[in-house]
C-alpha cells in the first residue's frame, strides 16, 4: 500500500428503494434540526445520507416533497411507537392516560424528530405557494383517535360528543404539551401528562 492509498471500506451495501428513502428522510431530520427549514439544503442532506444528490431527486420532486414525506413518515413512526405499547384491552380512559404519558416521554426519546417536525409542518407550502395547513399531516392520527373515542362512547366510559372535534382538540393539547416541555426541560413530562389527562377526561367522561 502506498502512502496515498486509503483503507478499503468494503463493498457498499445495496439498499432497496424504501431503505434509501428512509435513509434520506433520516438525514433530512438532522439537517432541519441543525440548520432549520429554510437553511436545509438537498446537497447537504444527500451528503448526510451518503447518497448522490441525483438520488434525492429520483425519490422526491424537490425540497418540499422530501420534507412533507419526512414529516408524514416520522409522525406515523412515532404514532405507531405509542400505539404499540398500549394495552388496548383496558378501558378507554386508561388508554388515554397511558397514551398521553407515552407522548410526553417522546420529548426525552425523540427530541430531534419533534424539533424537525415542528419546523417542517410550519414552513411547508402548497404547489401554488400558499401555506400548507398543519392539519394536512394529522388525518391518520385523527382517524385513530376518533376510533378510540367512539369505542369509549360505545362502552359507556365517554359521553356523547363529536369525535372529530375531540380528536383535533386532543391532538392540539399534545402538541402544546410537547412544545412546552421542549422549552421547559425542568418540567416532569410524566407529571404534565397525568395532569393533562385528567383535565381532558373531565370533559370527555360520561357522568357517574
C-alpha atoms as a PDB file:
ATOM      1  CA  UNK A   1       0.000   0.000   0.000  1.00  0.00           C
ATOM      2  CA  UNK A   2       1.407   3.409  -0.952  1.00  0.00           C
ATOM      3  CA  UNK A   3       1.257   6.425   1.317  1.00  0.00           C
ATOM      4  CA  UNK A   4      -1.635   7.873  -0.703  1.00  0.00           C
ATOM      5  CA  UNK A   5      -3.817   4.752  -0.572  1.00  0.00           C
ATOM      6  CA  UNK A   6      -6.985   4.769   1.504  1.00  0.00           C
ATOM      7  CA  UNK A   7      -8.179   1.849   3.577  1.00  0.00           C
ATOM      8  CA  UNK A   8     -10.874  -0.065   1.785  1.00  0.00           C
ATOM      9  CA  UNK A   9     -14.388   0.371   3.158  1.00  0.00           C
ATOM     10  CA  UNK A  10     -15.543  -2.813   1.519  1.00  0.00           C
ATOM     11  CA  UNK A  11     -18.377  -3.046  -0.960  1.00  0.00           C
ATOM     12  CA  UNK A  12     -21.198  -0.561  -0.458  1.00  0.00           C
ATOM     13  CA  UNK A  13     -24.357  -2.219   0.727  1.00  0.00           C
ATOM     14  CA  UNK A  14     -27.100  -2.266  -1.873  1.00  0.00           C
ATOM     15  CA  UNK A  15     -30.270  -0.933  -0.325  1.00  0.00           C
ATOM     16  CA  UNK A  16     -33.808  -1.175  -1.600  1.00  0.00           C
ATOM     17  CA  UNK A  17     -35.845   1.875  -2.576  1.00  0.00           C
ATOM     18  CA  UNK A  18     -37.726   2.030   0.736  1.00  0.00           C
ATOM     19  CA  UNK A  19     -34.481   1.804   2.698  1.00  0.00           C
ATOM     20  CA  UNK A  20     -32.906   4.557   0.602  1.00  0.00           C
ATOM     21  CA  UNK A  21     -35.941   6.782   1.108  1.00  0.00           C
ATOM     22  CA  UNK A  22     -35.774   6.247   4.875  1.00  0.00           C
ATOM     23  CA  UNK A  23     -32.043   6.960   4.843  1.00  0.00           C
ATOM     24  CA  UNK A  24     -32.620  10.256   3.038  1.00  0.00           C
ATOM     25  CA  UNK A  25     -35.508  11.232   5.323  1.00  0.00           C
ATOM     26  CA  UNK A  26     -33.425  10.483   8.420  1.00  0.00           C
ATOM     27  CA  UNK A  27     -30.736  12.788   7.037  1.00  0.00           C
ATOM     28  CA  UNK A  28     -33.385  15.441   6.358  1.00  0.00           C
ATOM     29  CA  UNK A  29     -34.426  15.396  10.016  1.00  0.00           C
ATOM     30  CA  UNK A  30     -30.862  16.014  11.191  1.00  0.00           C
ATOM     31  CA  UNK A  31     -30.364  18.746   8.600  1.00  0.00           C
ATOM     32  CA  UNK A  32     -33.504  20.583   9.748  1.00  0.00           C
ATOM     33  CA  UNK A  33     -32.511  20.204  13.408  1.00  0.00           C
ATOM     34  CA  UNK A  34     -29.066  21.670  12.692  1.00  0.00           C
ATOM     35  CA  UNK A  35     -29.957  24.376  10.156  1.00  0.00           C
ATOM     36  CA  UNK A  36     -33.693  24.982  10.321  1.00  0.00           C
ATOM     37  CA  UNK A  37     -36.145  24.519   7.474  1.00  0.00           C
ATOM     38  CA  UNK A  38     -35.015  27.430   5.319  1.00  0.00           C
ATOM     39  CA  UNK A  39     -31.354  26.608   5.873  1.00  0.00           C
ATOM     40  CA  UNK A  40     -31.709  22.934   4.977  1.00  0.00           C
ATOM     41  CA  UNK A  41     -30.195  22.032   1.622  1.00  0.00           C
ATOM     42  CA  UNK A  42     -30.683  18.980  -0.571  1.00  0.00           C
ATOM     43  CA  UNK A  43     -26.942  18.891  -1.231  1.00  0.00           C
ATOM     44  CA  UNK A  44     -26.121  18.555   2.474  1.00  0.00           C
ATOM     45  CA  UNK A  45     -28.984  16.120   3.001  1.00  0.00           C
ATOM     46  CA  UNK A  46     -27.568  13.902   0.256  1.00  0.00           C
ATOM     47  CA  UNK A  47     -24.126  14.120   1.850  1.00  0.00           C
ATOM     48  CA  UNK A  48     -25.529  13.215   5.285  1.00  0.00           C
ATOM     49  CA  UNK A  49     -27.331  10.249   3.743  1.00  0.00           C
ATOM     50  CA  UNK A  50     -24.178   9.251   1.830  1.00  0.00           C
ATOM     51  CA  UNK A  51     -26.016   9.221  -1.489  1.00  0.00           C
ATOM     52  CA  UNK A  52     -25.653  11.138  -4.733  1.00  0.00           C
ATOM     53  CA  UNK A  53     -27.795  14.277  -4.900  1.00  0.00           C
ATOM     54  CA  UNK A  54     -29.448  12.901  -8.026  1.00  0.00           C
ATOM     55  CA  UNK A  55     -30.825  10.042  -5.956  1.00  0.00           C
ATOM     56  CA  UNK A  56     -32.708  12.528  -3.780  1.00  0.00           C
ATOM     57  CA  UNK A  57     -34.351  13.924  -6.912  1.00  0.00           C
ATOM     58  CA  UNK A  58     -35.126  10.401  -8.067  1.00  0.00           C
ATOM     59  CA  UNK A  59     -37.229   9.700  -4.967  1.00  0.00           C
ATOM     60  CA  UNK A  60     -38.591  13.216  -4.273  1.00  0.00           C
ATOM     61  CA  UNK A  61     -39.714  16.008  -6.588  1.00  0.00           C
ATOM     62  CA  UNK A  62     -37.971  18.672  -4.537  1.00  0.00           C
ATOM     63  CA  UNK A  63     -37.331  20.006  -1.051  1.00  0.00           C
ATOM     64  CA  UNK A  64     -40.969  20.468  -0.070  1.00  0.00           C
ATOM     65  CA  UNK A  65     -41.851  16.963  -1.268  1.00  0.00           C
ATOM     66  CA  UNK A  66     -38.960  15.494   0.718  1.00  0.00           C
ATOM     67  CA  UNK A  67     -39.917  17.462   3.815  1.00  0.00           C
ATOM     68  CA  UNK A  68     -43.613  16.571   3.550  1.00  0.00           C
ATOM     69  CA  UNK A  69     -42.755  12.900   3.127  1.00  0.00           C
ATOM     70  CA  UNK A  70     -40.347  13.096   6.061  1.00  0.00           C
ATOM     71  CA  UNK A  71     -42.980  14.702   8.294  1.00  0.00           C
ATOM     72  CA  UNK A  72     -45.641  12.135   7.427  1.00  0.00           C
ATOM     73  CA  UNK A  73     -43.310   9.152   7.837  1.00  0.00           C
ATOM     74  CA  UNK A  74     -41.929  10.455  11.129  1.00  0.00           C
ATOM     75  CA  UNK A  75     -45.389  11.162  12.517  1.00  0.00           C
ATOM     76  CA  UNK A  76     -46.536   7.673  11.604  1.00  0.00           C
ATOM     77  CA  UNK A  77     -43.454   6.037  13.142  1.00  0.00           C
ATOM     78  CA  UNK A  78     -43.879   7.958  16.379  1.00  0.00           C
ATOM     79  CA  UNK A  79     -47.627   7.352  16.482  1.00  0.00           C
ATOM     80  CA  UNK A  80     -47.058   3.642  15.922  1.00  0.00           C
ATOM     81  CA  UNK A  81     -44.435   3.650  18.654  1.00  0.00           C
ATOM     82  CA  UNK A  82     -47.057   4.887  21.115  1.00  0.00           C
ATOM     83  CA  UNK A  83     -49.926   2.673  19.956  1.00  0.00           C
ATOM     84  CA  UNK A  84     -47.818  -0.494  20.004  1.00  0.00           C
ATOM     85  CA  UNK A  85     -47.034  -0.016  23.702  1.00  0.00           C
ATOM     86  CA  UNK A  86     -50.658   0.419  24.787  1.00  0.00           C
ATOM     87  CA  UNK A  87     -52.836  -2.290  26.271  1.00  0.00           C
ATOM     88  CA  UNK A  88     -55.886  -1.850  24.087  1.00  0.00           C
ATOM     89  CA  UNK A  89     -57.916  -4.202  26.291  1.00  0.00           C
ATOM     90  CA  UNK A  90     -58.036  -1.560  29.019  1.00  0.00           C
ATOM     91  CA  UNK A  91     -60.969   0.865  29.418  1.00  0.00           C
ATOM     92  CA  UNK A  92     -60.641   3.832  27.069  1.00  0.00           C
ATOM     93  CA  UNK A  93     -59.929   6.434  29.809  1.00  0.00           C
ATOM     94  CA  UNK A  94     -56.966   4.337  30.965  1.00  0.00           C
ATOM     95  CA  UNK A  95     -55.733   4.041  27.385  1.00  0.00           C
ATOM     96  CA  UNK A  96     -55.915   7.834  27.039  1.00  0.00           C
ATOM     97  CA  UNK A  97     -53.920   8.315  30.249  1.00  0.00           C
ATOM     98  CA  UNK A  98     -51.253   5.882  29.064  1.00  0.00           C
ATOM     99  CA  UNK A  99     -51.125   7.382  25.566  1.00  0.00           C
ATOM    100  CA  UNK A 100     -50.547  10.876  26.936  1.00  0.00           C
ATOM    101  CA  UNK A 101     -47.729   9.613  29.172  1.00  0.00           C
ATOM    102  CA  UNK A 102     -46.099   7.902  26.188  1.00  0.00           C
ATOM    103  CA  UNK A 103     -46.481  11.032  24.085  1.00  0.00           C
ATOM    104  CA  UNK A 104     -44.869  13.191  26.763  1.00  0.00           C
ATOM    105  CA  UNK A 105     -41.960  10.757  27.090  1.00  0.00           C
ATOM    106  CA  UNK A 106     -41.086  11.367  23.442  1.00  0.00           C
ATOM    107  CA  UNK A 107     -39.594  14.713  24.423  1.00  0.00           C
ATOM    108  CA  UNK A 108     -36.852  12.649  26.057  1.00  0.00           C
ATOM    109  CA  UNK A 109     -36.534   9.855  23.486  1.00  0.00           C
ATOM    110  CA  UNK A 110     -37.288  11.629  20.172  1.00  0.00           C
ATOM    111  CA  UNK A 111     -36.343  15.262  20.712  1.00  0.00           C
ATOM    112  CA  UNK A 112     -34.699  15.682  17.297  1.00  0.00           C
ATOM    113  CA  UNK A 113     -37.696  14.241  15.492  1.00  0.00           C
ATOM    114  CA  UNK A 114     -40.089  16.519  17.376  1.00  0.00           C
ATOM    115  CA  UNK A 115     -37.937  19.573  16.694  1.00  0.00           C
ATOM    116  CA  UNK A 116     -37.733  18.772  12.995  1.00  0.00           C
ATOM    117  CA  UNK A 117     -41.461  18.050  12.733  1.00  0.00           C
ATOM    118  CA  UNK A 118     -42.376  21.367  14.308  1.00  0.00           C
ATOM    119  CA  UNK A 119     -40.127  23.257  11.900  1.00  0.00           C
ATOM    120  CA  UNK A 120     -41.270  21.335   8.843  1.00  0.00           C
ATOM    121  CA  UNK A 121     -45.039  21.489   9.308  1.00  0.00           C
ATOM    122  CA  UNK A 122     -44.941  25.234   9.981  1.00  0.00           C
ATOM    123  CA  UNK A 123     -42.870  26.042   6.885  1.00  0.00           C
ATOM    124  CA  UNK A 124     -44.246  23.869   4.093  1.00  0.00           C
ATOM    125  CA  UNK A 125     -46.080  25.391   1.155  1.00  0.00           C
ATOM    126  CA  UNK A 126     -48.528  24.045  -1.368  1.00  0.00           C
ATOM    127  CA  UNK A 127     -47.550  23.967  -5.079  1.00  0.00           C
ATOM    128  CA  UNK A 128     -49.356  27.317  -5.561  1.00  0.00           C
ATOM    129  CA  UNK A 129     -47.166  28.892  -2.876  1.00  0.00           C
ATOM    130  CA  UNK A 130     -49.842  29.072  -0.185  1.00  0.00           C
ATOM    131  CA  UNK A 131     -49.019  27.885   3.311  1.00  0.00           C
ATOM    132  CA  UNK A 132     -49.854  24.236   3.816  1.00  0.00           C
ATOM    133  CA  UNK A 133     -52.285  23.751   6.749  1.00  0.00           C
ATOM    134  CA  UNK A 134     -50.723  21.862   9.631  1.00  0.00           C
ATOM    135  CA  UNK A 135     -53.821  19.658   9.852  1.00  0.00           C
ATOM    136  CA  UNK A 136     -52.890  18.143   6.473  1.00  0.00           C
ATOM    137  CA  UNK A 137     -50.413  15.955   8.355  1.00  0.00           C
ATOM    138  CA  UNK A 138     -52.787  14.718  11.032  1.00  0.00           C
ATOM    139  CA  UNK A 139     -55.504  12.855   9.155  1.00  0.00           C
ATOM    140  CA  UNK A 140     -54.339   9.342  10.058  1.00  0.00           C
ATOM    141  CA  UNK A 141     -53.784  10.423  13.643  1.00  0.00           C
ATOM    142  CA  UNK A 142     -57.243  11.954  13.857  1.00  0.00           C
ATOM    143  CA  UNK A 143     -58.857   8.826  12.448  1.00  0.00           C
ATOM    144  CA  UNK A 144     -57.176   6.627  15.043  1.00  0.00           C
ATOM    145  CA  UNK A 145     -58.200   8.930  17.867  1.00  0.00           C
ATOM    146  CA  UNK A 146     -61.776   9.154  16.594  1.00  0.00           C
ATOM    147  CA  UNK A 147     -61.990   5.367  16.602  1.00  0.00           C
ATOM    148  CA  UNK A 148     -60.780   5.225  20.190  1.00  0.00           C
ATOM    149  CA  UNK A 149     -63.237   7.894  21.316  1.00  0.00           C
ATOM    150  CA  UNK A 150     -66.157   6.162  19.604  1.00  0.00           C
ATOM    151  CA  UNK A 151     -65.187   2.935  21.321  1.00  0.00           C
ATOM    152  CA  UNK A 152     -65.282   4.753  24.650  1.00  0.00           C
ATOM    153  CA  UNK A 153     -68.714   6.099  23.812  1.00  0.00           C
ATOM    154  CA  UNK A 154     -69.912   2.616  22.883  1.00  0.00           C
ATOM    155  CA  UNK A 155     -68.612   1.125  26.135  1.00  0.00           C
ATOM    156  CA  UNK A 156     -70.182   3.945  28.143  1.00  0.00           C
ATOM    157  CA  UNK A 157     -66.985   5.400  29.592  1.00  0.00           C
ATOM    158  CA  UNK A 158     -67.072   8.550  27.432  1.00  0.00           C
ATOM    159  CA  UNK A 159     -70.001  10.895  26.941  1.00  0.00           C
ATOM    160  CA  UNK A 160     -71.554  11.748  23.595  1.00  0.00           C
ATOM    161  CA  UNK A 161     -69.515  14.312  21.633  1.00  0.00           C
ATOM    162  CA  UNK A 162     -68.260  14.955  18.105  1.00  0.00           C
ATOM    163  CA  UNK A 163     -65.293  12.583  17.773  1.00  0.00           C
ATOM    164  CA  UNK A 164     -63.544  14.704  15.126  1.00  0.00           C
ATOM    165  CA  UNK A 165     -63.770  17.872  17.194  1.00  0.00           C
ATOM    166  CA  UNK A 166     -62.412  15.996  20.197  1.00  0.00           C
ATOM    167  CA  UNK A 167     -59.582  14.436  18.143  1.00  0.00           C
ATOM    168  CA  UNK A 168     -58.458  17.872  16.916  1.00  0.00           C
ATOM    169  CA  UNK A 169     -58.655  19.263  20.463  1.00  0.00           C
ATOM    170  CA  UNK A 170     -56.869  16.262  21.944  1.00  0.00           C
ATOM    171  CA  UNK A 171     -54.025  16.359  19.410  1.00  0.00           C
ATOM    172  CA  UNK A 172     -53.694  20.106  19.796  1.00  0.00           C
ATOM    173  CA  UNK A 173     -53.248  19.594  23.541  1.00  0.00           C
ATOM    174  CA  UNK A 174     -50.488  17.062  22.876  1.00  0.00           C
ATOM    175  CA  UNK A 175     -48.685  19.442  20.523  1.00  0.00           C
ATOM    176  CA  UNK A 176     -48.836  22.279  23.045  1.00  0.00           C
ATOM    177  CA  UNK A 177     -47.629  19.925  25.776  1.00  0.00           C
ATOM    178  CA  UNK A 178     -44.615  18.852  23.737  1.00  0.00           C
ATOM    179  CA  UNK A 179     -43.747  22.427  22.786  1.00  0.00           C
ATOM    180  CA  UNK A 180     -43.934  23.483  26.429  1.00  0.00           C
ATOM    181  CA  UNK A 181     -41.826  20.543  27.596  1.00  0.00           C
ATOM    182  CA  UNK A 182     -39.209  21.340  24.967  1.00  0.00           C
ATOM    183  CA  UNK A 183     -38.951  24.922  26.214  1.00  0.00           C
ATOM    184  CA  UNK A 184     -39.055  23.900  29.894  1.00  0.00           C
ATOM    185  CA  UNK A 185     -36.771  20.873  30.388  1.00  0.00           C
ATOM    186  CA  UNK A 186     -37.120  21.244  34.160  1.00  0.00           C
ATOM    187  CA  UNK A 187     -40.785  20.146  33.973  1.00  0.00           C
ATOM    188  CA  UNK A 188     -41.525  16.477  34.609  1.00  0.00           C
ATOM    189  CA  UNK A 189     -43.120  15.065  31.421  1.00  0.00           C
ATOM    190  CA  UNK A 190     -44.983  12.328  33.274  1.00  0.00           C
ATOM    191  CA  UNK A 191     -46.480  14.763  35.752  1.00  0.00           C
ATOM    192  CA  UNK A 192     -47.551  17.142  32.985  1.00  0.00           C
ATOM    193  CA  UNK A 193     -49.131  14.294  31.012  1.00  0.00           C
ATOM    194  CA  UNK A 194     -51.005  12.985  34.039  1.00  0.00           C
ATOM    195  CA  UNK A 195     -52.427  16.415  34.805  1.00  0.00           C
ATOM    196  CA  UNK A 196     -53.396  16.965  31.172  1.00  0.00           C
ATOM    197  CA  UNK A 197     -55.110  13.573  31.024  1.00  0.00           C
ATOM    198  CA  UNK A 198     -57.340  14.391  33.967  1.00  0.00           C
ATOM    199  CA  UNK A 199     -58.236  17.802  32.531  1.00  0.00           C
ATOM    200  CA  UNK A 200     -59.193  16.288  29.174  1.00  0.00           C
ATOM    201  CA  UNK A 201     -61.042  13.366  30.700  1.00  0.00           C
ATOM    202  CA  UNK A 202     -63.047  15.693  32.916  1.00  0.00           C
ATOM    203  CA  UNK A 203     -64.703  16.913  29.741  1.00  0.00           C
ATOM    204  CA  UNK A 204     -64.829  13.571  27.961  1.00  0.00           C
ATOM    205  CA  UNK A 205     -66.044  11.066  30.514  1.00  0.00           C
ATOM    206  CA  UNK A 206     -69.669  10.130  30.954  1.00  0.00           C
ATOM    207  CA  UNK A 207     -71.321  11.208  34.190  1.00  0.00           C
ATOM    208  CA  UNK A 208     -71.439   8.786  37.114  1.00  0.00           C
END
